[in-house]
Amino acid sequence: MHFVYILYSPTKDKYYIGQTEDMERRVEPHNLRKNLGANDWQLKYFEQYETRSEAVRRESEIKSKKRRAYLEHLISSVG
């Protein structure tokens, strides 16, 4: 499985979009190494895909929207 995910940092008040093969291990390295300038990244959203190419395509699609409102809409659609 491959995943597209959205992280949020309250300190920076920013979102980060990425893709990975191992969702469980993805957030921790961001926080331990202060990747992206913060150590309080929280997983807010993810989608699963069968192939890496599908995940990369979806990651690009989400990033192309470039609107915070779109990200918050995706996040609020869960749950």
C-alpha atoms as a PDB file:
ATOM      1  CA  MET A   1       0.000   0.000   0.000  1.00  0.00           C
ATOM      2  CA  HIS A   2       0.985   3.595  -0.592  1.00  0.00           C
ATOM      3  CA  PHE A   3      -0.410   6.615   1.158  1.00  0.00           C
ATOM      4  CA  VAL A   4      -0.928  10.305   0.504  1.00  0.00           C
ATOM      5  CA  TYR A   5      -1.037  12.264   3.739  1.00  0.00           C
ATOM      6  CA  ILE A   6      -1.532  15.739   5.151  1.00  0.00           C
ATOM      7  CA  LEU A   7       0.331  16.861   8.259  1.00  0.00           C
ATOM      8  CA  TYR A   8      -0.378  20.011  10.254  1.00  0.00           C
ATOM      9  CA  SER A   9       1.925  21.979  12.566  1.00  0.00           C
ATOM     10  CA  PRO A  10       0.118  24.183  15.112  1.00  0.00           C
ATOM     11  CA  THR A  11       3.372  26.073  15.802  1.00  0.00           C
ATOM     12  CA  LYS A  12       3.858  27.025  12.163  1.00  0.00           C
ATOM     13  CA  ASP A  13       0.131  26.974  11.329  1.00  0.00           C
ATOM     14  CA  LYS A  14       1.050  25.165   8.113  1.00  0.00           C
ATOM     15  CA  TYR A  15       0.098  22.020   6.256  1.00  0.00           C
ATOM     16  CA  TYR A  16       2.453  19.570   4.582  1.00  0.00           C
ATOM     17  CA  ILE A  17       1.396  17.103   1.872  1.00  0.00           C
ATOM     18  CA  GLY A  18       3.425  13.998   1.130  1.00  0.00           C
ATOM     19  CA  GLN A  19       3.289  10.349   0.140  1.00  0.00           C
ATOM     20  CA  THR A  20       4.850   7.273   1.672  1.00  0.00           C
ATOM     21  CA  GLU A  21       4.834   3.507   1.708  1.00  0.00           C
ATOM     22  CA  ASP A  22       4.909   3.274   5.521  1.00  0.00           C
ATOM     23  CA  MET A  23       2.328   5.534   7.126  1.00  0.00           C
ATOM     24  CA  GLU A  24       3.065   4.397  10.685  1.00  0.00           C
ATOM     25  CA  ARG A  25       6.697   5.503  10.498  1.00  0.00           C
ATOM     26  CA  ARG A  26       6.230   8.739   8.539  1.00  0.00           C
ATOM     27  CA  VAL A  27       5.194  11.356  11.124  1.00  0.00           C
ATOM     28  CA  GLU A  28       7.759  10.454  13.778  1.00  0.00           C
ATOM     29  CA  PRO A  29      10.865  11.299  11.697  1.00  0.00           C
ATOM     30  CA  HIS A  30       9.407  14.719  10.845  1.00  0.00           C
ATOM     31  CA  ASN A  31       9.066  15.474  14.546  1.00  0.00           C
ATOM     32  CA  LEU A  32      12.295  13.916  15.829  1.00  0.00           C
ATOM     33  CA  ARG A  33      14.521  15.710  13.345  1.00  0.00           C
ATOM     34  CA  LYS A  34      12.410  18.871  13.292  1.00  0.00           C
ATOM     35  CA  ASN A  35      11.961  18.377   9.582  1.00  0.00           C
ATOM     36  CA  LEU A  36      10.107  21.225   7.952  1.00  0.00           C
ATOM     37  CA  GLY A  37      11.055  23.578  10.806  1.00  0.00           C
ATOM     38  CA  ALA A  38       8.786  22.216  13.542  1.00  0.00           C
ATOM     39  CA  ASN A  39       8.477  19.227  15.839  1.00  0.00           C
ATOM     40  CA  ASP A  40       4.722  19.193  16.384  1.00  0.00           C
ATOM     41  CA  TRP A  41       3.498  17.735  13.078  1.00  0.00           C
ATOM     42  CA  GLN A  42       0.187  15.900  13.397  1.00  0.00           C
ATOM     43  CA  LEU A  43      -1.352  13.508  10.907  1.00  0.00           C
ATOM     44  CA  LYS A  44      -4.668  15.048   9.845  1.00  0.00           C
ATOM     45  CA  TYR A  45      -5.610  13.102   6.728  1.00  0.00           C
ATOM     46  CA  PHE A  46      -4.542  10.203   4.518  1.00  0.00           C
ATOM     47  CA  GLU A  47      -5.663   8.213   1.500  1.00  0.00           C
ATOM     48  CA  GLN A  48      -4.550   4.700   0.465  1.00  0.00           C
ATOM     49  CA  TYR A  49      -3.458   3.613  -3.016  1.00  0.00           C
ATOM     50  CA  GLU A  50      -2.367   0.310  -4.496  1.00  0.00           C
ATOM     51  CA  THR A  51       0.630   1.727  -6.361  1.00  0.00           C
ATOM     52  CA  ARG A  52       3.209   4.419  -5.779  1.00  0.00           C
ATOM     53  CA  SER A  53       2.381   6.029  -9.122  1.00  0.00           C
ATOM     54  CA  GLU A  54      -1.263   6.480  -8.044  1.00  0.00           C
ATOM     55  CA  ALA A  55      -0.136   8.041  -4.756  1.00  0.00           C
ATOM     56  CA  VAL A  56       2.327  10.376  -6.472  1.00  0.00           C
ATOM     57  CA  ARG A  57      -0.371  11.426  -8.945  1.00  0.00           C
ATOM     58  CA  ARG A  58      -2.819  12.193  -6.118  1.00  0.00           C
ATOM     59  CA  GLU A  59      -0.159  14.024  -4.094  1.00  0.00           C
ATOM     60  CA  SER A  60       0.501  16.256  -7.123  1.00  0.00           C
ATOM     61  CA  GLU A  61      -3.216  16.837  -7.596  1.00  0.00           C
ATOM     62  CA  ILE A  62      -3.673  17.947  -3.981  1.00  0.00           C
ATOM     63  CA  LYS A  63      -0.582  20.167  -4.121  1.00  0.00           C
ATOM     64  CA  SER A  64      -1.779  21.778  -7.352  1.00  0.00           C
ATOM     65  CA  LYS A  65      -4.898  23.123  -5.606  1.00  0.00           C
ATOM     66  CA  LYS A  66      -2.683  25.446  -3.502  1.00  0.00           C
ATOM     67  CA  ARG A  67      -5.591  26.443  -1.327  1.00  0.00           C
ATOM     68  CA  ARG A  68      -5.756  26.030   2.408  1.00  0.00           C
ATOM     69  CA  ALA A  69      -9.563  25.809   2.168  1.00  0.00           C
ATOM     70  CA  TYR A  70      -9.255  22.734  -0.071  1.00  0.00           C
ATOM     71  CA  LEU A  71      -6.958  20.990   2.436  1.00  0.00           C
ATOM     72  CA  GLU A  72      -9.280  21.839   5.309  1.00  0.00           C
ATOM     73  CA  HIS A  73     -12.222  20.526   3.283  1.00  0.00           C
ATOM     74  CA  LEU A  74     -10.430  17.179   2.769  1.00  0.00           C
ATOM     75  CA  ILE A  75      -9.563  16.980   6.460  1.00  0.00           C
ATOM     76  CA  SER A  76     -13.104  17.817   7.578  1.00  0.00           C
ATOM     77  CA  SER A  77     -14.552  15.190   5.232  1.00  0.00           C
ATOM     78  CA  VAL A  78     -13.048  12.459   7.418  1.00  0.00           C
ATOM     79  CA  GLY A  79     -15.069  11.386  10.371  1.00  0.00           C
END
